[in-house]
Structure formats: structure tokens, C-alpha cells
């Protein structure tokens, strides 16, 4: 059986309480995930599209609508296509909802943190 720590990644923001709680939950389960501080190392378009597909969401569903960048980039425009939204998230990674955990070819949003248990 493979070591679960080898297959688990968390897109993490250490300043976010939900992200910290999700990371703690993984550690409590004996999982030492690969931690990607996505504000410092944002995913590229290919990776972000894969994550969104694994989450089963539309790009718009992964946007943090309360961020200033959401308003200034005009992302509330319903005519924007998925590629435009993904491009905005890459340019402003703060717009990506967090935390996201990837494991075994699946993804889960840690809101609440216990959501990630479904893919472990």
C-alpha cells in the first residue's frame, strides 16, 4: 500500500484559519502532505483547470468574491468565460478559494476542513 503522504498535496495559505485547520487535520491523520503556498507559487492554467475539474466545479465557483481584486478585475461580469476567470485567478492567486487538497486523483475544498476526509 502506498504511503498516503506521497499522494497528498494541499494548496495552502498560512494566514487563513481554514487552511491551517485543514493542514492540522491532515497531520492528525498521520499525513505529511506536500504544501504549496499558492500565493507564492500559484498553479499554472493547466494545473488550475485540472484542479477545478477534480473538484467538480466551474471556475467561477472557485472565486473568492469578497476580495478587492474580484471587483477591480470586473469578475462579476456574467459574460466572462472560464478561460478569462482562470487567467484572473493566475494573475491574482488571492482570488482562488482555499484550501484545496489533492489526493489519489481527487480534490476537495477544505471548507469545512472535514470535507477533505472524503478523498483520503
C-alpha atoms as a PDB file:
ATOM      1  CA  UNK A   1       0.000   0.000   0.000  1.00  0.00           C
ATOM      2  CA  UNK A   2       1.465   3.392  -0.940  1.00  0.00           C
ATOM      3  CA  UNK A   3       2.270   5.912   1.739  1.00  0.00           C
ATOM      4  CA  UNK A   4      -0.631   8.412   1.729  1.00  0.00           C
ATOM      5  CA  UNK A   5       1.773  11.282   2.398  1.00  0.00           C
ATOM      6  CA  UNK A   6       3.290  10.739  -1.033  1.00  0.00           C
ATOM      7  CA  UNK A   7      -0.008  11.372  -2.792  1.00  0.00           C
ATOM      8  CA  UNK A   8      -1.486  14.282  -0.813  1.00  0.00           C
ATOM      9  CA  UNK A   9      -0.990  17.951  -1.694  1.00  0.00           C
ATOM     10  CA  UNK A  10      -2.539  20.989  -0.037  1.00  0.00           C
ATOM     11  CA  UNK A  11      -2.812  24.381  -1.700  1.00  0.00           C
ATOM     12  CA  UNK A  12      -2.326  26.373   1.463  1.00  0.00           C
ATOM     13  CA  UNK A  13      -2.380  29.934   2.735  1.00  0.00           C
ATOM     14  CA  UNK A  14      -0.787  30.016   6.202  1.00  0.00           C
ATOM     15  CA  UNK A  15      -2.699  33.218   7.045  1.00  0.00           C
ATOM     16  CA  UNK A  16      -6.083  31.515   6.515  1.00  0.00           C
ATOM     17  CA  UNK A  17      -7.615  29.794   9.559  1.00  0.00           C
ATOM     18  CA  UNK A  18      -9.478  27.192   7.459  1.00  0.00           C
ATOM     19  CA  UNK A  19      -6.273  26.386   5.620  1.00  0.00           C
ATOM     20  CA  UNK A  20      -4.361  25.965   8.896  1.00  0.00           C
ATOM     21  CA  UNK A  21      -7.174  23.819  10.330  1.00  0.00           C
ATOM     22  CA  UNK A  22      -7.168  21.603   7.240  1.00  0.00           C
ATOM     23  CA  UNK A  23      -3.392  21.162   7.405  1.00  0.00           C
ATOM     24  CA  UNK A  24      -3.679  20.303  11.112  1.00  0.00           C
ATOM     25  CA  UNK A  25      -6.397  17.767  10.309  1.00  0.00           C
ATOM     26  CA  UNK A  26      -4.115  16.074   7.781  1.00  0.00           C
ATOM     27  CA  UNK A  27      -1.269  15.973  10.303  1.00  0.00           C
ATOM     28  CA  UNK A  28      -3.615  14.494  12.933  1.00  0.00           C
ATOM     29  CA  UNK A  29      -4.348  11.692  10.444  1.00  0.00           C
ATOM     30  CA  UNK A  30      -0.632  10.993  10.106  1.00  0.00           C
ATOM     31  CA  UNK A  31      -0.416  12.593   6.669  1.00  0.00           C
ATOM     32  CA  UNK A  32       2.515  14.854   5.880  1.00  0.00           C
ATOM     33  CA  UNK A  33       1.290  16.492   2.652  1.00  0.00           C
ATOM     34  CA  UNK A  34       3.203  18.435   0.073  1.00  0.00           C
ATOM     35  CA  UNK A  35       2.396  22.036   0.972  1.00  0.00           C
ATOM     36  CA  UNK A  36       2.042  24.501  -1.889  1.00  0.00           C
ATOM     37  CA  UNK A  37       1.789  28.085  -0.683  1.00  0.00           C
ATOM     38  CA  UNK A  38      -0.182  29.075  -3.751  1.00  0.00           C
ATOM     39  CA  UNK A  39       0.165  32.825  -3.141  1.00  0.00           C
ATOM     40  CA  UNK A  40       3.939  32.400  -3.575  1.00  0.00           C
ATOM     41  CA  UNK A  41       3.749  29.598  -6.160  1.00  0.00           C
ATOM     42  CA  UNK A  42       0.416  29.795  -7.992  1.00  0.00           C
ATOM     43  CA  UNK A  43      -0.665  26.947 -10.236  1.00  0.00           C
ATOM     44  CA  UNK A  44      -0.422  27.491 -13.970  1.00  0.00           C
ATOM     45  CA  UNK A  45      -3.510  27.372 -16.192  1.00  0.00           C
ATOM     46  CA  UNK A  46      -3.175  23.639 -16.905  1.00  0.00           C
ATOM     47  CA  UNK A  47      -2.861  22.742 -13.218  1.00  0.00           C
ATOM     48  CA  UNK A  48      -5.696  25.067 -12.204  1.00  0.00           C
ATOM     49  CA  UNK A  49      -8.008  23.614 -14.866  1.00  0.00           C
ATOM     50  CA  UNK A  50      -7.176  20.091 -13.648  1.00  0.00           C
ATOM     51  CA  UNK A  51      -7.873  21.065 -10.017  1.00  0.00           C
ATOM     52  CA  UNK A  52     -11.192  22.689 -10.949  1.00  0.00           C
ATOM     53  CA  UNK A  53     -12.188  19.581 -12.914  1.00  0.00           C
ATOM     54  CA  UNK A  54     -11.223  17.317  -9.972  1.00  0.00           C
ATOM     55  CA  UNK A  55     -13.296  19.492  -7.648  1.00  0.00           C
ATOM     56  CA  UNK A  56     -16.267  19.166  -9.995  1.00  0.00           C
ATOM     57  CA  UNK A  57     -16.728  22.941 -10.030  1.00  0.00           C
ATOM     58  CA  UNK A  58     -16.878  25.696 -12.594  1.00  0.00           C
ATOM     59  CA  UNK A  59     -14.024  28.233 -12.413  1.00  0.00           C
ATOM     60  CA  UNK A  60     -16.443  30.906 -11.165  1.00  0.00           C
ATOM     61  CA  UNK A  61     -17.333  28.627  -8.215  1.00  0.00           C
ATOM     62  CA  UNK A  62     -13.721  28.749  -7.001  1.00  0.00           C
ATOM     63  CA  UNK A  63     -13.521  32.558  -6.930  1.00  0.00           C
ATOM     64  CA  UNK A  64     -13.255  34.436  -3.652  1.00  0.00           C
ATOM     65  CA  UNK A  65     -15.867  37.078  -4.412  1.00  0.00           C
ATOM     66  CA  UNK A  66     -15.085  39.218  -1.355  1.00  0.00           C
ATOM     67  CA  UNK A  67     -11.570  40.095  -2.498  1.00  0.00           C
ATOM     68  CA  UNK A  68     -10.862  43.576  -3.830  1.00  0.00           C
ATOM     69  CA  UNK A  69      -9.291  42.033  -6.956  1.00  0.00           C
ATOM     70  CA  UNK A  70     -12.655  40.429  -7.771  1.00  0.00           C
ATOM     71  CA  UNK A  71     -14.258  43.843  -8.047  1.00  0.00           C
ATOM     72  CA  UNK A  72     -11.384  45.666  -9.748  1.00  0.00           C
ATOM     73  CA  UNK A  73     -10.952  42.916 -12.374  1.00  0.00           C
ATOM     74  CA  UNK A  74     -14.666  43.037 -13.207  1.00  0.00           C
ATOM     75  CA  UNK A  75     -15.113  39.343 -12.434  1.00  0.00           C
ATOM     76  CA  UNK A  76     -18.763  39.862 -11.527  1.00  0.00           C
ATOM     77  CA  UNK A  77     -19.431  40.156 -15.282  1.00  0.00           C
ATOM     78  CA  UNK A  78     -21.562  37.066 -16.085  1.00  0.00           C
ATOM     79  CA  UNK A  79     -20.386  37.081 -19.706  1.00  0.00           C
ATOM     80  CA  UNK A  80     -16.772  36.262 -18.794  1.00  0.00           C
ATOM     81  CA  UNK A  81     -15.796  32.808 -19.998  1.00  0.00           C
ATOM     82  CA  UNK A  82     -13.950  30.160 -17.989  1.00  0.00           C
ATOM     83  CA  UNK A  83     -10.572  30.993 -19.561  1.00  0.00           C
ATOM     84  CA  UNK A  84     -10.885  34.659 -18.535  1.00  0.00           C
ATOM     85  CA  UNK A  85     -11.722  33.655 -14.971  1.00  0.00           C
ATOM     86  CA  UNK A  86      -8.818  31.198 -14.831  1.00  0.00           C
ATOM     87  CA  UNK A  87      -6.467  33.865 -16.199  1.00  0.00           C
ATOM     88  CA  UNK A  88      -7.625  36.256 -13.454  1.00  0.00           C
ATOM     89  CA  UNK A  89      -7.007  33.613 -10.775  1.00  0.00           C
ATOM     90  CA  UNK A  90      -3.489  33.019 -12.090  1.00  0.00           C
ATOM     91  CA  UNK A  91      -2.767  36.752 -12.177  1.00  0.00           C
ATOM     92  CA  UNK A  92      -4.311  37.232  -8.710  1.00  0.00           C
ATOM     93  CA  UNK A  93      -3.964  33.897  -6.842  1.00  0.00           C
ATOM     94  CA  UNK A  94      -5.604  35.524  -3.821  1.00  0.00           C
ATOM     95  CA  UNK A  95      -8.867  35.000  -5.746  1.00  0.00           C
ATOM     96  CA  UNK A  96      -8.572  31.192  -5.501  1.00  0.00           C
ATOM     97  CA  UNK A  97     -10.739  29.715  -2.744  1.00  0.00           C
ATOM     98  CA  UNK A  98      -8.724  27.777  -0.205  1.00  0.00           C
ATOM     99  CA  UNK A  99      -7.568  25.356   0.987  1.00  0.00           C
ATOM    100  CA  UNK A 100      -7.617  22.739  -1.738  1.00  0.00           C
ATOM    101  CA  UNK A 101      -6.405  19.216  -1.037  1.00  0.00           C
ATOM    102  CA  UNK A 102      -5.456  16.798  -3.800  1.00  0.00           C
ATOM    103  CA  UNK A 103      -5.240  13.070  -3.105  1.00  0.00           C
ATOM    104  CA  UNK A 104      -5.493   9.942  -5.224  1.00  0.00           C
ATOM    105  CA  UNK A 105      -6.603  11.804  -8.352  1.00  0.00           C
ATOM    106  CA  UNK A 106      -9.348  13.653  -6.491  1.00  0.00           C
ATOM    107  CA  UNK A 107      -9.670  17.118  -4.983  1.00  0.00           C
ATOM    108  CA  UNK A 108     -11.626  18.640  -2.114  1.00  0.00           C
ATOM    109  CA  UNK A 109     -12.106  22.145  -0.798  1.00  0.00           C
ATOM    110  CA  UNK A 110     -11.404  22.374   2.928  1.00  0.00           C
ATOM    111  CA  UNK A 111     -14.478  24.435   3.755  1.00  0.00           C
ATOM    112  CA  UNK A 112     -15.135  22.995   6.268  1.00  0.00           C
ATOM    113  CA  UNK A 113     -11.804  21.193   6.812  1.00  0.00           C
ATOM    114  CA  UNK A 114     -13.575  17.840   7.276  1.00  0.00           C
ATOM    115  CA  UNK A 115     -14.569  17.900   3.584  1.00  0.00           C
ATOM    116  CA  UNK A 116     -11.074  16.662   2.689  1.00  0.00           C
ATOM    117  CA  UNK A 117     -11.578  13.401   4.588  1.00  0.00           C
ATOM    118  CA  UNK A 118     -13.824  12.185   1.754  1.00  0.00           C
ATOM    119  CA  UNK A 119     -10.872  11.891  -0.652  1.00  0.00           C
ATOM    120  CA  UNK A 120      -8.279  10.405   1.699  1.00  0.00           C
END
